[in-house]
């Protein structure tokens, strides 16, 4: 499996009140994206889905047979971060620069 560095990620979260929020950012050099919220208790995230949008190298975004996203529950107190690694791929053909 390979990780994608500097890839763009979309994170969709649903709050405890039922509102859907959309976030966008880039992963670090290890393919990890850190999310954190500072909402009031009623607007806290309940669950999120992180999925790839694009990469600097389009070949690196080929998912092969793997999942198109990572679901996670967000149960941290307000202001604490949650690290996710949404860019784990099993591509059929993997260029060396994707590793």
C-alpha atoms as a PDB file:
ATOM      1  CA  UNK A   1       0.000   0.000   0.000  1.00  0.00           C
ATOM      2  CA  UNK A   2       1.146   3.545  -0.679  1.00  0.00           C
ATOM      3  CA  UNK A   3       0.335   6.840   0.954  1.00  0.00           C
ATOM      4  CA  UNK A   4      -0.268  10.038  -0.945  1.00  0.00           C
ATOM      5  CA  UNK A   5       1.640  13.135   0.184  1.00  0.00           C
ATOM      6  CA  UNK A   6       0.240  16.583  -0.541  1.00  0.00           C
ATOM      7  CA  UNK A   7      -3.087  15.280  -1.807  1.00  0.00           C
ATOM      8  CA  UNK A   8      -6.306  17.252  -1.479  1.00  0.00           C
ATOM      9  CA  UNK A   9      -8.897  15.803   0.881  1.00  0.00           C
ATOM     10  CA  UNK A  10     -12.568  16.579   1.401  1.00  0.00           C
ATOM     11  CA  UNK A  11     -14.016  15.935   4.842  1.00  0.00           C
ATOM     12  CA  UNK A  12     -17.802  15.867   5.189  1.00  0.00           C
ATOM     13  CA  UNK A  13     -19.074  15.908   8.757  1.00  0.00           C
ATOM     14  CA  UNK A  14     -22.571  15.686  10.177  1.00  0.00           C
ATOM     15  CA  UNK A  15     -23.182  17.507  13.435  1.00  0.00           C
ATOM     16  CA  UNK A  16     -25.211  16.211  16.361  1.00  0.00           C
ATOM     17  CA  UNK A  17     -27.904  18.689  15.260  1.00  0.00           C
ATOM     18  CA  UNK A  18     -27.998  17.067  11.790  1.00  0.00           C
ATOM     19  CA  UNK A  19     -26.196  19.798   9.832  1.00  0.00           C
ATOM     20  CA  UNK A  20     -23.689  18.707   7.167  1.00  0.00           C
ATOM     21  CA  UNK A  21     -20.391  20.604   6.983  1.00  0.00           C
ATOM     22  CA  UNK A  22     -17.742  20.400   4.263  1.00  0.00           C
ATOM     23  CA  UNK A  23     -14.010  20.960   4.805  1.00  0.00           C
ATOM     24  CA  UNK A  24     -11.119  20.896   2.355  1.00  0.00           C
ATOM     25  CA  UNK A  25      -7.366  20.713   2.990  1.00  0.00           C
ATOM     26  CA  UNK A  26      -4.126  19.050   1.936  1.00  0.00           C
ATOM     27  CA  UNK A  27      -2.448  16.093   3.588  1.00  0.00           C
ATOM     28  CA  UNK A  28       1.037  16.404   5.034  1.00  0.00           C
ATOM     29  CA  UNK A  29       4.102  14.611   3.649  1.00  0.00           C
ATOM     30  CA  UNK A  30       2.970  11.365   5.284  1.00  0.00           C
ATOM     31  CA  UNK A  31      -0.525  11.490   3.757  1.00  0.00           C
ATOM     32  CA  UNK A  32      -2.100  12.444   7.104  1.00  0.00           C
ATOM     33  CA  UNK A  33      -4.724  15.141   7.597  1.00  0.00           C
ATOM     34  CA  UNK A  34      -5.610  16.460  11.046  1.00  0.00           C
ATOM     35  CA  UNK A  35      -9.137  17.692  11.733  1.00  0.00           C
ATOM     36  CA  UNK A  36     -10.417  19.566  14.767  1.00  0.00           C
ATOM     37  CA  UNK A  37     -13.599  21.403  15.602  1.00  0.00           C
ATOM     38  CA  UNK A  38     -14.379  24.075  18.156  1.00  0.00           C
ATOM     39  CA  UNK A  39     -18.159  24.112  17.919  1.00  0.00           C
ATOM     40  CA  UNK A  40     -20.633  24.377  20.766  1.00  0.00           C
ATOM     41  CA  UNK A  41     -21.902  21.071  22.164  1.00  0.00           C
ATOM     42  CA  UNK A  42     -25.060  20.992  19.996  1.00  0.00           C
ATOM     43  CA  UNK A  43     -23.035  21.690  16.828  1.00  0.00           C
ATOM     44  CA  UNK A  44     -20.321  19.118  17.567  1.00  0.00           C
ATOM     45  CA  UNK A  45     -19.427  16.662  14.831  1.00  0.00           C
ATOM     46  CA  UNK A  46     -20.991  13.248  15.194  1.00  0.00           C
ATOM     47  CA  UNK A  47     -19.442  11.394  12.253  1.00  0.00           C
ATOM     48  CA  UNK A  48     -17.298  12.299   9.258  1.00  0.00           C
ATOM     49  CA  UNK A  49     -16.235  10.921   5.898  1.00  0.00           C
ATOM     50  CA  UNK A  50     -12.823  11.790   4.456  1.00  0.00           C
ATOM     51  CA  UNK A  51     -12.212  11.150   0.770  1.00  0.00           C
ATOM     52  CA  UNK A  52      -9.664  12.086  -1.890  1.00  0.00           C
ATOM     53  CA  UNK A  53     -10.308  14.933  -4.315  1.00  0.00           C
ATOM     54  CA  UNK A  54      -7.055  15.156  -6.242  1.00  0.00           C
ATOM     55  CA  UNK A  55      -3.300  14.786  -6.055  1.00  0.00           C
ATOM     56  CA  UNK A  56      -0.403  16.632  -7.577  1.00  0.00           C
ATOM     57  CA  UNK A  57       0.193  13.409  -9.526  1.00  0.00           C
ATOM     58  CA  UNK A  58      -3.057  12.119 -11.030  1.00  0.00           C
ATOM     59  CA  UNK A  59      -1.679   8.546 -11.242  1.00  0.00           C
ATOM     60  CA  UNK A  60      -1.487   8.561  -7.443  1.00  0.00           C
ATOM     61  CA  UNK A  61      -5.253   9.023  -7.121  1.00  0.00           C
ATOM     62  CA  UNK A  62      -6.122   5.714  -8.772  1.00  0.00           C
ATOM     63  CA  UNK A  63      -7.927   3.742  -6.089  1.00  0.00           C
ATOM     64  CA  UNK A  64      -7.912   0.290  -7.681  1.00  0.00           C
ATOM     65  CA  UNK A  65     -10.134  -1.967  -5.570  1.00  0.00           C
ATOM     66  CA  UNK A  66      -9.852  -0.017  -2.330  1.00  0.00           C
ATOM     67  CA  UNK A  67     -12.418   2.168  -0.589  1.00  0.00           C
ATOM     68  CA  UNK A  68     -13.285   5.648  -1.833  1.00  0.00           C
ATOM     69  CA  UNK A  69     -13.298   7.158   1.636  1.00  0.00           C
ATOM     70  CA  UNK A  70     -12.725   6.691   5.346  1.00  0.00           C
ATOM     71  CA  UNK A  71     -15.602   7.030   7.815  1.00  0.00           C
ATOM     72  CA  UNK A  72     -14.806   7.963  11.387  1.00  0.00           C
ATOM     73  CA  UNK A  73     -16.641   8.999  14.518  1.00  0.00           C
ATOM     74  CA  UNK A  74     -15.500  12.230  16.112  1.00  0.00           C
ATOM     75  CA  UNK A  75     -15.808  11.870  19.865  1.00  0.00           C
ATOM     76  CA  UNK A  76     -13.044  14.212  21.002  1.00  0.00           C
ATOM     77  CA  UNK A  77     -13.792  17.219  23.239  1.00  0.00           C
ATOM     78  CA  UNK A  78     -14.124  20.534  21.443  1.00  0.00           C
ATOM     79  CA  UNK A  79     -10.765  21.901  20.319  1.00  0.00           C
ATOM     80  CA  UNK A  80      -8.964  18.542  20.256  1.00  0.00           C
ATOM     81  CA  UNK A  81      -7.763  17.152  16.942  1.00  0.00           C
ATOM     82  CA  UNK A  82      -8.332  13.806  15.239  1.00  0.00           C
ATOM     83  CA  UNK A  83      -5.695  12.490  12.816  1.00  0.00           C
ATOM     84  CA  UNK A  84      -6.892  10.622   9.770  1.00  0.00           C
ATOM     85  CA  UNK A  85      -5.042   8.983   6.921  1.00  0.00           C
ATOM     86  CA  UNK A  86      -7.568   8.936   4.064  1.00  0.00           C
ATOM     87  CA  UNK A  87      -5.101   8.299   1.259  1.00  0.00           C
ATOM     88  CA  UNK A  88      -4.204   4.627   1.502  1.00  0.00           C
ATOM     89  CA  UNK A  89      -4.319   3.073  -1.943  1.00  0.00           C
ATOM     90  CA  UNK A  90      -3.955  -0.307  -3.604  1.00  0.00           C
ATOM     91  CA  UNK A  91      -3.562   0.853  -7.193  1.00  0.00           C
ATOM     92  CA  UNK A  92      -3.159  -1.686  -9.972  1.00  0.00           C
ATOM     93  CA  UNK A  93      -0.123   0.170 -11.356  1.00  0.00           C
ATOM     94  CA  UNK A  94       1.857   2.262  -8.877  1.00  0.00           C
ATOM     95  CA  UNK A  95       4.397   4.810 -10.148  1.00  0.00           C
ATOM     96  CA  UNK A  96       7.493   5.059  -7.922  1.00  0.00           C
ATOM     97  CA  UNK A  97       6.750   8.687  -6.994  1.00  0.00           C
ATOM     98  CA  UNK A  98       3.452   7.669  -5.341  1.00  0.00           C
ATOM     99  CA  UNK A  99       5.268   5.645  -2.665  1.00  0.00           C
END
